[in-house]
Amino acid sequence: MAKMHIKLTVNGRAVERLAEPRMLLIHLLREELSLTGPHIGCDTSHCGACTVDLNGKSVKSCTVFAAQANGATILTIEGMAAADGTLHPLQEAFREHHGLQCGFCTPGMITRAYRLLQENPNPSEAEIRTGISGNLCRCTGYQNIVKAIRAAAERMSSSKEAAE
């Protein structure tokens, strides 16, 4: 099968690869770019473990062909921390509020929460629960995940206000 030339910006870095037309974005990220934060969980798009931010939208990378992402800007969990290693407020809040247990869903959950907070910087608990409803967690019961997202929203809001 002929391979396609694909250009992407992933976590702020320009990337070029050859990929078969049927290669899924999750496989390009994990196998070709060694970005193993997005997980392969269910292969059916139900769990959200593979969630990435693609051109400003949360997508389940197991449902997107790599070729469809040609020219796209992608953010994965690996690109969320600052260059000096300082955690993103969402990552820090998940750590502080124990928004994880086994950690398998965490990268997709945080990446989805990132987009949610971009779309709605001050979501209610109900809006958070609706916003992350496409990402499944089999361990936590969601209480601490919701607390972590709420805490990150407050932290991000107060840091924006302080900057202004």
N, C-alpha and C. Protein backbone atom coordinates (compact mmCIF):
# COMPACT_ATOMS: atom_id res chain seq x y z
N MET A 1 0.85 -1.17 0.00
CA MET A 1 0.00 0.00 0.00
C MET A 1 0.90 1.24 0.00
N ALA A 2 0.59 2.20 -0.85
CA ALA A 2 1.37 3.43 -0.94
C ALA A 2 1.22 4.25 0.33
N LYS A 3 2.33 4.80 0.79
CA LYS A 3 2.29 5.64 1.98
C LYS A 3 2.08 7.09 1.59
N MET A 4 1.49 7.83 2.52
CA MET A 4 1.20 9.24 2.32
C MET A 4 2.16 10.08 3.15
N HIS A 5 2.53 11.21 2.62
CA HIS A 5 3.38 12.15 3.35
C HIS A 5 2.47 13.01 4.23
N ILE A 6 2.74 13.03 5.54
CA ILE A 6 1.90 13.75 6.48
C ILE A 6 2.76 14.75 7.24
N LYS A 7 2.26 15.98 7.34
CA LYS A 7 2.91 17.03 8.12
C LYS A 7 1.96 17.43 9.24
N LEU A 8 2.49 17.50 10.45
CA LEU A 8 1.70 17.87 11.63
C LEU A 8 2.53 18.79 12.52
N THR A 9 1.85 19.48 13.38
CA THR A 9 2.52 20.14 14.50
C THR A 9 2.00 19.43 15.75
N VAL A 10 2.89 18.77 16.43
CA VAL A 10 2.51 18.00 17.62
C VAL A 10 3.24 18.56 18.83
N ASN A 11 2.46 19.03 19.78
CA ASN A 11 3.02 19.61 21.00
C ASN A 11 4.02 20.72 20.68
N GLY A 12 3.68 21.52 19.65
CA GLY A 12 4.50 22.65 19.28
C GLY A 12 5.67 22.34 18.37
N ARG A 13 5.82 21.09 17.99
CA ARG A 13 6.95 20.66 17.17
C ARG A 13 6.48 20.21 15.79
N ALA A 14 7.12 20.71 14.74
CA ALA A 14 6.77 20.27 13.38
C ALA A 14 7.25 18.84 13.18
N VAL A 15 6.37 18.02 12.58
CA VAL A 15 6.66 16.60 12.38
C VAL A 15 6.24 16.23 10.96
N GLU A 16 7.05 15.41 10.33
CA GLU A 16 6.70 14.85 9.02
C GLU A 16 6.92 13.35 9.08
N ARG A 17 5.96 12.61 8.53
CA ARG A 17 6.06 11.15 8.51
C ARG A 17 5.39 10.62 7.25
N LEU A 18 5.76 9.40 6.91
CA LEU A 18 5.06 8.64 5.89
C LEU A 18 4.15 7.68 6.62
N ALA A 19 2.91 7.58 6.18
CA ALA A 19 1.96 6.69 6.85
C ALA A 19 1.03 6.07 5.82
N GLU A 20 0.67 4.83 6.09
CA GLU A 20 -0.34 4.19 5.24
C GLU A 20 -1.66 4.93 5.41
N PRO A 21 -2.47 5.01 4.35
CA PRO A 21 -3.75 5.72 4.44
C PRO A 21 -4.66 5.20 5.55
N ARG A 22 -4.54 3.94 5.90
CA ARG A 22 -5.41 3.35 6.93
C ARG A 22 -4.86 3.48 8.35
N MET A 23 -3.66 4.06 8.51
CA MET A 23 -3.08 4.20 9.85
C MET A 23 -3.91 5.19 10.67
N LEU A 24 -4.24 4.78 11.87
CA LEU A 24 -4.98 5.67 12.78
C LEU A 24 -4.03 6.65 13.45
N LEU A 25 -4.55 7.81 13.80
CA LEU A 25 -3.75 8.84 14.45
C LEU A 25 -3.14 8.31 15.75
N ILE A 26 -3.87 7.54 16.52
CA ILE A 26 -3.33 7.01 17.77
C ILE A 26 -2.07 6.18 17.52
N HIS A 27 -2.06 5.42 16.43
CA HIS A 27 -0.89 4.60 16.12
C HIS A 27 0.28 5.47 15.64
N LEU A 28 -0.01 6.52 14.90
CA LEU A 28 1.05 7.44 14.49
C LEU A 28 1.67 8.07 15.73
N LEU A 29 0.84 8.55 16.64
CA LEU A 29 1.34 9.19 17.85
C LEU A 29 2.17 8.24 18.70
N ARG A 30 1.65 7.06 18.95
CA ARG A 30 2.32 6.11 19.84
C ARG A 30 3.51 5.41 19.19
N GLU A 31 3.31 4.90 17.98
CA GLU A 31 4.33 4.05 17.36
C GLU A 31 5.37 4.82 16.58
N GLU A 32 4.96 5.89 15.91
CA GLU A 32 5.90 6.64 15.08
C GLU A 32 6.55 7.80 15.84
N LEU A 33 5.81 8.42 16.74
CA LEU A 33 6.31 9.59 17.45
C LEU A 33 6.67 9.30 18.91
N SER A 34 6.44 8.08 19.37
CA SER A 34 6.74 7.65 20.75
C SER A 34 6.04 8.50 21.80
N LEU A 35 4.86 9.00 21.48
CA LEU A 35 4.03 9.73 22.44
C LEU A 35 3.03 8.74 23.01
N THR A 36 3.38 8.17 24.13
CA THR A 36 2.57 7.09 24.69
C THR A 36 1.59 7.56 25.76
N GLY A 37 1.43 8.87 25.91
CA GLY A 37 0.43 9.39 26.83
C GLY A 37 -0.97 9.00 26.40
N PRO A 38 -1.36 9.29 25.16
CA PRO A 38 -2.68 8.83 24.71
C PRO A 38 -2.69 7.30 24.68
N HIS A 39 -3.65 6.72 25.33
CA HIS A 39 -3.71 5.25 25.45
C HIS A 39 -4.72 4.65 24.49
N ILE A 40 -4.47 3.41 24.14
CA ILE A 40 -5.44 2.63 23.37
C ILE A 40 -6.22 1.82 24.40
N GLY A 41 -7.49 2.15 24.55
CA GLY A 41 -8.27 1.50 25.60
C GLY A 41 -9.28 0.51 25.07
N CYS A 42 -10.12 0.94 24.17
CA CYS A 42 -11.25 0.09 23.80
C CYS A 42 -11.32 -0.23 22.31
N ASP A 43 -10.59 0.52 21.49
CA ASP A 43 -10.64 0.36 20.03
C ASP A 43 -12.02 0.61 19.44
N THR A 44 -12.92 1.21 20.19
CA THR A 44 -14.27 1.47 19.68
C THR A 44 -14.71 2.91 19.89
N SER A 45 -13.87 3.75 20.39
CA SER A 45 -14.10 5.17 20.67
C SER A 45 -14.99 5.43 21.89
N HIS A 46 -15.25 4.44 22.69
CA HIS A 46 -16.12 4.63 23.85
C HIS A 46 -15.40 5.15 25.08
N CYS A 47 -14.13 4.81 25.26
CA CYS A 47 -13.49 5.09 26.56
C CYS A 47 -12.84 6.46 26.66
N GLY A 48 -12.34 7.01 25.56
CA GLY A 48 -11.70 8.33 25.60
C GLY A 48 -10.26 8.33 26.06
N ALA A 49 -9.67 7.18 26.30
CA ALA A 49 -8.28 7.13 26.75
C ALA A 49 -7.32 7.70 25.72
N CYS A 50 -7.74 7.72 24.46
CA CYS A 50 -6.89 8.19 23.36
C CYS A 50 -7.15 9.66 23.01
N THR A 51 -7.89 10.38 23.84
CA THR A 51 -8.27 11.76 23.52
C THR A 51 -7.06 12.66 23.38
N VAL A 52 -7.06 13.44 22.29
CA VAL A 52 -6.07 14.48 22.04
C VAL A 52 -6.81 15.74 21.61
N ASP A 53 -6.11 16.85 21.60
CA ASP A 53 -6.67 18.09 21.12
C ASP A 53 -6.17 18.28 19.69
N LEU A 54 -7.11 18.32 18.74
CA LEU A 54 -6.78 18.41 17.32
C LEU A 54 -7.42 19.69 16.76
N ASN A 55 -6.58 20.64 16.41
CA ASN A 55 -7.08 21.92 15.87
C ASN A 55 -8.16 22.54 16.75
N GLY A 56 -7.94 22.49 18.06
CA GLY A 56 -8.86 23.14 18.98
C GLY A 56 -10.12 22.36 19.31
N LYS A 57 -10.10 21.07 19.03
CA LYS A 57 -11.25 20.22 19.38
C LYS A 57 -10.74 18.93 20.02
N SER A 58 -11.48 18.44 20.99
CA SER A 58 -11.16 17.13 21.57
C SER A 58 -11.58 16.06 20.58
N VAL A 59 -10.66 15.16 20.27
CA VAL A 59 -10.99 14.04 19.40
C VAL A 59 -10.43 12.76 19.99
N LYS A 60 -11.10 11.70 19.69
CA LYS A 60 -10.61 10.38 20.07
C LYS A 60 -9.74 9.91 18.92
N SER A 61 -8.44 9.86 19.16
CA SER A 61 -7.49 9.62 18.08
C SER A 61 -7.57 8.22 17.51
N CYS A 62 -8.37 7.34 18.11
CA CYS A 62 -8.58 6.01 17.53
C CYS A 62 -9.66 6.06 16.45
N THR A 63 -10.28 7.24 16.26
CA THR A 63 -11.33 7.38 15.24
C THR A 63 -10.90 8.26 14.07
N VAL A 64 -9.65 8.71 14.09
CA VAL A 64 -9.15 9.62 13.07
C VAL A 64 -7.99 8.95 12.35
N PHE A 65 -8.03 8.95 11.03
CA PHE A 65 -6.89 8.47 10.27
C PHE A 65 -5.78 9.52 10.35
N ALA A 66 -4.56 9.07 10.40
CA ALA A 66 -3.43 9.99 10.43
C ALA A 66 -3.50 10.94 9.24
N ALA A 67 -3.89 10.43 8.08
CA ALA A 67 -3.99 11.27 6.88
C ALA A 67 -5.00 12.39 7.05
N GLN A 68 -6.05 12.16 7.83
CA GLN A 68 -7.06 13.20 8.07
C GLN A 68 -6.48 14.34 8.91
N ALA A 69 -5.43 14.05 9.65
CA ALA A 69 -4.81 15.05 10.51
C ALA A 69 -3.69 15.81 9.80
N ASN A 70 -3.48 15.53 8.53
CA ASN A 70 -2.43 16.21 7.77
C ASN A 70 -2.62 17.72 7.88
N GLY A 71 -1.58 18.43 8.28
CA GLY A 71 -1.64 19.87 8.44
C GLY A 71 -2.17 20.34 9.78
N ALA A 72 -2.57 19.43 10.63
CA ALA A 72 -3.21 19.77 11.90
C ALA A 72 -2.20 20.15 12.98
N THR A 73 -2.74 20.79 13.99
CA THR A 73 -2.01 21.07 15.22
C THR A 73 -2.61 20.19 16.30
N ILE A 74 -1.75 19.40 16.94
CA ILE A 74 -2.21 18.42 17.92
C ILE A 74 -1.52 18.68 19.25
N LEU A 75 -2.29 18.58 20.32
CA LEU A 75 -1.77 18.65 21.68
C LEU A 75 -2.09 17.33 22.37
N THR A 76 -1.06 16.72 22.94
CA THR A 76 -1.25 15.51 23.75
C THR A 76 -0.86 15.86 25.19
N ILE A 77 -1.04 14.94 26.08
CA ILE A 77 -0.68 15.17 27.48
C ILE A 77 0.79 15.53 27.61
N GLU A 78 1.63 15.00 26.72
CA GLU A 78 3.07 15.28 26.80
C GLU A 78 3.38 16.75 26.53
N GLY A 79 2.49 17.45 25.84
CA GLY A 79 2.72 18.84 25.51
C GLY A 79 2.10 19.83 26.47
N MET A 80 1.52 19.35 27.55
CA MET A 80 0.80 20.25 28.45
C MET A 80 1.71 20.93 29.47
N ALA A 81 2.71 20.25 29.95
CA ALA A 81 3.61 20.86 30.93
C ALA A 81 4.46 21.92 30.25
N ALA A 82 4.94 22.89 31.02
CA ALA A 82 5.82 23.93 30.49
C ALA A 82 7.17 23.31 30.13
N ALA A 83 7.93 24.03 29.31
CA ALA A 83 9.23 23.54 28.87
C ALA A 83 10.17 23.24 30.04
N ASP A 84 10.00 23.96 31.15
CA ASP A 84 10.86 23.72 32.32
C ASP A 84 10.36 22.58 33.21
N GLY A 85 9.27 21.92 32.77
CA GLY A 85 8.73 20.79 33.52
C GLY A 85 7.62 21.15 34.49
N THR A 86 7.32 22.44 34.62
CA THR A 86 6.23 22.86 35.50
C THR A 86 4.93 22.29 34.96
N LEU A 87 4.19 21.62 35.82
CA LEU A 87 2.94 21.01 35.39
C LEU A 87 1.90 22.06 35.02
N HIS A 88 1.07 21.71 34.06
CA HIS A 88 -0.09 22.54 33.71
C HIS A 88 -1.02 22.54 34.92
N PRO A 89 -1.78 23.61 35.14
CA PRO A 89 -2.70 23.63 36.29
C PRO A 89 -3.62 22.41 36.37
N LEU A 90 -4.04 21.86 35.25
CA LEU A 90 -4.87 20.65 35.30
C LEU A 90 -4.08 19.46 35.83
N GLN A 91 -2.86 19.30 35.36
CA GLN A 91 -2.03 18.19 35.84
C GLN A 91 -1.77 18.33 37.33
N GLU A 92 -1.47 19.55 37.76
CA GLU A 92 -1.22 19.79 39.18
C GLU A 92 -2.47 19.53 40.01
N ALA A 93 -3.63 19.96 39.51
CA ALA A 93 -4.88 19.75 40.24
C ALA A 93 -5.23 18.27 40.33
N PHE A 94 -4.99 17.51 39.26
CA PHE A 94 -5.24 16.06 39.33
C PHE A 94 -4.34 15.42 40.38
N ARG A 95 -3.11 15.88 40.48
CA ARG A 95 -2.19 15.36 41.49
C ARG A 95 -2.65 15.75 42.88
N GLU A 96 -2.96 17.02 43.07
CA GLU A 96 -3.35 17.52 44.40
C GLU A 96 -4.67 16.93 44.89
N HIS A 97 -5.62 16.75 44.01
CA HIS A 97 -6.96 16.30 44.40
C HIS A 97 -7.17 14.81 44.15
N HIS A 98 -6.10 14.12 43.89
CA HIS A 98 -6.12 12.67 43.63
C HIS A 98 -7.22 12.32 42.60
N GLY A 99 -7.14 12.99 41.44
CA GLY A 99 -8.10 12.77 40.38
C GLY A 99 -7.75 11.57 39.53
N LEU A 100 -6.95 10.68 40.07
CA LEU A 100 -6.57 9.48 39.34
C LEU A 100 -6.34 8.35 40.33
N GLN A 101 -6.46 7.15 39.84
CA GLN A 101 -6.06 5.99 40.64
C GLN A 101 -5.08 5.18 39.82
N CYS A 102 -5.57 4.38 38.88
CA CYS A 102 -4.62 3.59 38.09
C CYS A 102 -3.90 4.45 37.07
N GLY A 103 -4.52 5.57 36.65
CA GLY A 103 -3.89 6.50 35.73
C GLY A 103 -4.11 6.22 34.26
N PHE A 104 -4.78 5.13 33.93
CA PHE A 104 -4.94 4.78 32.52
C PHE A 104 -5.75 5.82 31.76
N CYS A 105 -6.82 6.32 32.36
CA CYS A 105 -7.68 7.30 31.68
C CYS A 105 -7.16 8.72 31.82
N THR A 106 -6.21 8.94 32.70
CA THR A 106 -5.80 10.29 33.08
C THR A 106 -5.32 11.16 31.91
N PRO A 107 -4.45 10.69 31.02
CA PRO A 107 -4.03 11.57 29.93
C PRO A 107 -5.20 12.05 29.06
N GLY A 108 -6.08 11.15 28.69
CA GLY A 108 -7.24 11.53 27.90
C GLY A 108 -8.20 12.42 28.67
N MET A 109 -8.35 12.14 29.96
CA MET A 109 -9.24 12.93 30.81
C MET A 109 -8.71 14.36 30.95
N ILE A 110 -7.42 14.50 31.19
CA ILE A 110 -6.84 15.83 31.34
C ILE A 110 -6.88 16.59 30.01
N THR A 111 -6.59 15.90 28.92
CA THR A 111 -6.62 16.55 27.62
C THR A 111 -8.03 17.02 27.28
N ARG A 112 -9.03 16.21 27.60
CA ARG A 112 -10.42 16.62 27.39
C ARG A 112 -10.77 17.79 28.30
N ALA A 113 -10.35 17.73 29.56
CA ALA A 113 -10.63 18.81 30.50
C ALA A 113 -9.98 20.11 30.04
N TYR A 114 -8.82 20.01 29.44
CA TYR A 114 -8.15 21.20 28.90
C TYR A 114 -9.04 21.90 27.89
N ARG A 115 -9.59 21.14 26.94
CA ARG A 115 -10.45 21.75 25.92
C ARG A 115 -11.74 22.27 26.56
N LEU A 116 -12.28 21.52 27.52
CA LEU A 116 -13.49 21.97 28.22
C LEU A 116 -13.27 23.33 28.84
N LEU A 117 -12.13 23.51 29.51
CA LEU A 117 -11.86 24.78 30.17
C LEU A 117 -11.53 25.89 29.17
N GLN A 118 -11.08 25.54 27.98
CA GLN A 118 -10.90 26.54 26.93
C GLN A 118 -12.27 27.04 26.45
N GLU A 119 -13.22 26.12 26.37
CA GLU A 119 -14.56 26.44 25.90
C GLU A 119 -15.42 27.09 26.98
N ASN A 120 -15.20 26.69 28.22
CA ASN A 120 -15.99 27.19 29.35
C ASN A 120 -15.05 27.31 30.55
N PRO A 121 -14.45 28.49 30.76
CA PRO A 121 -13.45 28.66 31.82
C PRO A 121 -13.98 28.51 33.24
N ASN A 122 -15.30 28.56 33.42
CA ASN A 122 -15.86 28.48 34.76
C ASN A 122 -17.06 27.52 34.78
N PRO A 123 -16.83 26.24 34.50
CA PRO A 123 -17.95 25.31 34.42
C PRO A 123 -18.48 24.90 35.79
N SER A 124 -19.77 24.65 35.83
CA SER A 124 -20.39 24.10 37.04
C SER A 124 -20.03 22.62 37.14
N GLU A 125 -20.35 22.01 38.25
CA GLU A 125 -20.10 20.58 38.41
C GLU A 125 -20.85 19.80 37.32
N ALA A 126 -22.10 20.17 37.06
CA ALA A 126 -22.89 19.47 36.04
C ALA A 126 -22.26 19.64 34.66
N GLU A 127 -21.75 20.84 34.37
CA GLU A 127 -21.11 21.08 33.08
C GLU A 127 -19.81 20.28 32.95
N ILE A 128 -19.09 20.15 34.04
CA ILE A 128 -17.87 19.33 34.01
C ILE A 128 -18.25 17.88 33.74
N ARG A 129 -19.23 17.38 34.46
CA ARG A 129 -19.63 15.98 34.27
C ARG A 129 -20.10 15.72 32.83
N THR A 130 -20.85 16.65 32.27
CA THR A 130 -21.29 16.52 30.88
C THR A 130 -20.08 16.62 29.95
N GLY A 131 -19.20 17.56 30.23
CA GLY A 131 -18.04 17.80 29.39
C GLY A 131 -17.07 16.64 29.30
N ILE A 132 -16.98 15.85 30.36
CA ILE A 132 -16.05 14.70 30.36
C ILE A 132 -16.79 13.38 30.15
N SER A 133 -18.05 13.44 29.82
CA SER A 133 -18.87 12.22 29.73
C SER A 133 -18.39 11.24 28.65
N GLY A 134 -17.61 11.70 27.70
CA GLY A 134 -17.07 10.80 26.68
C GLY A 134 -15.79 10.11 27.09
N ASN A 135 -15.34 10.38 28.31
CA ASN A 135 -14.12 9.77 28.83
C ASN A 135 -14.49 8.94 30.06
N LEU A 136 -14.20 7.66 29.97
CA LEU A 136 -14.57 6.75 31.05
C LEU A 136 -13.41 6.51 32.02
N CYS A 137 -13.75 6.44 33.29
CA CYS A 137 -12.80 6.06 34.33
C CYS A 137 -13.41 4.88 35.07
N ARG A 138 -12.67 3.83 35.18
CA ARG A 138 -13.19 2.63 35.83
C ARG A 138 -12.79 2.55 37.30
N CYS A 139 -12.02 3.54 37.78
CA CYS A 139 -11.50 3.45 39.14
C CYS A 139 -12.06 4.48 40.12
N THR A 140 -12.19 5.73 39.70
CA THR A 140 -12.33 6.81 40.68
C THR A 140 -13.74 7.13 41.12
N GLY A 141 -14.74 6.84 40.33
CA GLY A 141 -16.08 7.30 40.66
C GLY A 141 -16.28 8.76 40.30
N TYR A 142 -15.30 9.40 39.67
CA TYR A 142 -15.36 10.75 39.11
C TYR A 142 -15.36 11.88 40.13
N GLN A 143 -15.60 11.64 41.40
CA GLN A 143 -15.69 12.73 42.38
C GLN A 143 -14.43 13.59 42.38
N ASN A 144 -13.28 12.94 42.49
CA ASN A 144 -12.03 13.69 42.57
C ASN A 144 -11.61 14.26 41.22
N ILE A 145 -12.03 13.63 40.14
CA ILE A 145 -11.77 14.18 38.81
C ILE A 145 -12.50 15.51 38.67
N VAL A 146 -13.75 15.53 39.06
CA VAL A 146 -14.55 16.76 38.99
C VAL A 146 -13.94 17.82 39.90
N LYS A 147 -13.53 17.45 41.12
CA LYS A 147 -12.89 18.40 42.03
C LYS A 147 -11.62 18.97 41.42
N ALA A 148 -10.84 18.12 40.78
CA ALA A 148 -9.58 18.55 40.18
C ALA A 148 -9.83 19.54 39.04
N ILE A 149 -10.80 19.25 38.21
CA ILE A 149 -11.10 20.15 37.08
C ILE A 149 -11.62 21.48 37.61
N ARG A 150 -12.46 21.43 38.62
CA ARG A 150 -12.99 22.66 39.23
C ARG A 150 -11.84 23.48 39.83
N ALA A 151 -10.93 22.82 40.54
CA ALA A 151 -9.78 23.51 41.15
C ALA A 151 -8.89 24.13 40.07
N ALA A 152 -8.66 23.41 38.99
CA ALA A 152 -7.83 23.93 37.89
C ALA A 152 -8.51 25.15 37.27
N ALA A 153 -9.83 25.09 37.10
CA ALA A 153 -10.56 26.22 36.53
C ALA A 153 -10.39 27.45 37.41
N GLU A 154 -10.50 27.27 38.72
CA GLU A 154 -10.33 28.39 39.64
C GLU A 154 -8.91 28.93 39.59
N ARG A 155 -7.93 28.04 39.56
CA ARG A 155 -6.52 28.44 39.51
C ARG A 155 -6.23 29.19 38.21
N MET A 156 -6.73 28.67 37.10
CA MET A 156 -6.49 29.29 35.80
C MET A 156 -7.18 30.65 35.71
N SER A 157 -8.38 30.73 36.28
CA SER A 157 -9.13 31.98 36.27
C SER A 157 -8.42 33.03 37.10
N SER A 158 -7.95 32.66 38.28
CA SER A 158 -7.27 33.64 39.15
C SER A 158 -5.92 34.05 38.56
N SER A 159 -5.23 33.16 37.85
CA SER A 159 -3.95 33.54 37.25
C SER A 159 -4.17 34.46 36.06
N LYS A 160 -5.29 34.29 35.33
CA LYS A 160 -5.62 35.22 34.23
C LYS A 160 -5.95 36.59 34.79
N GLU A 161 -6.70 36.62 35.90
CA GLU A 161 -7.07 37.89 36.51
C GLU A 161 -5.83 38.61 37.04
N ALA A 162 -4.90 37.85 37.62
CA ALA A 162 -3.68 38.45 38.14
C ALA A 162 -2.82 39.02 37.01
N ALA A 163 -2.85 38.37 35.85
CA ALA A 163 -2.07 38.83 34.71
C ALA A 163 -2.64 40.09 34.09
N GLU A 164 -3.93 40.31 34.28
CA GLU A 164 -4.60 41.48 33.67
C GLU A 164 -4.47 42.65 34.55
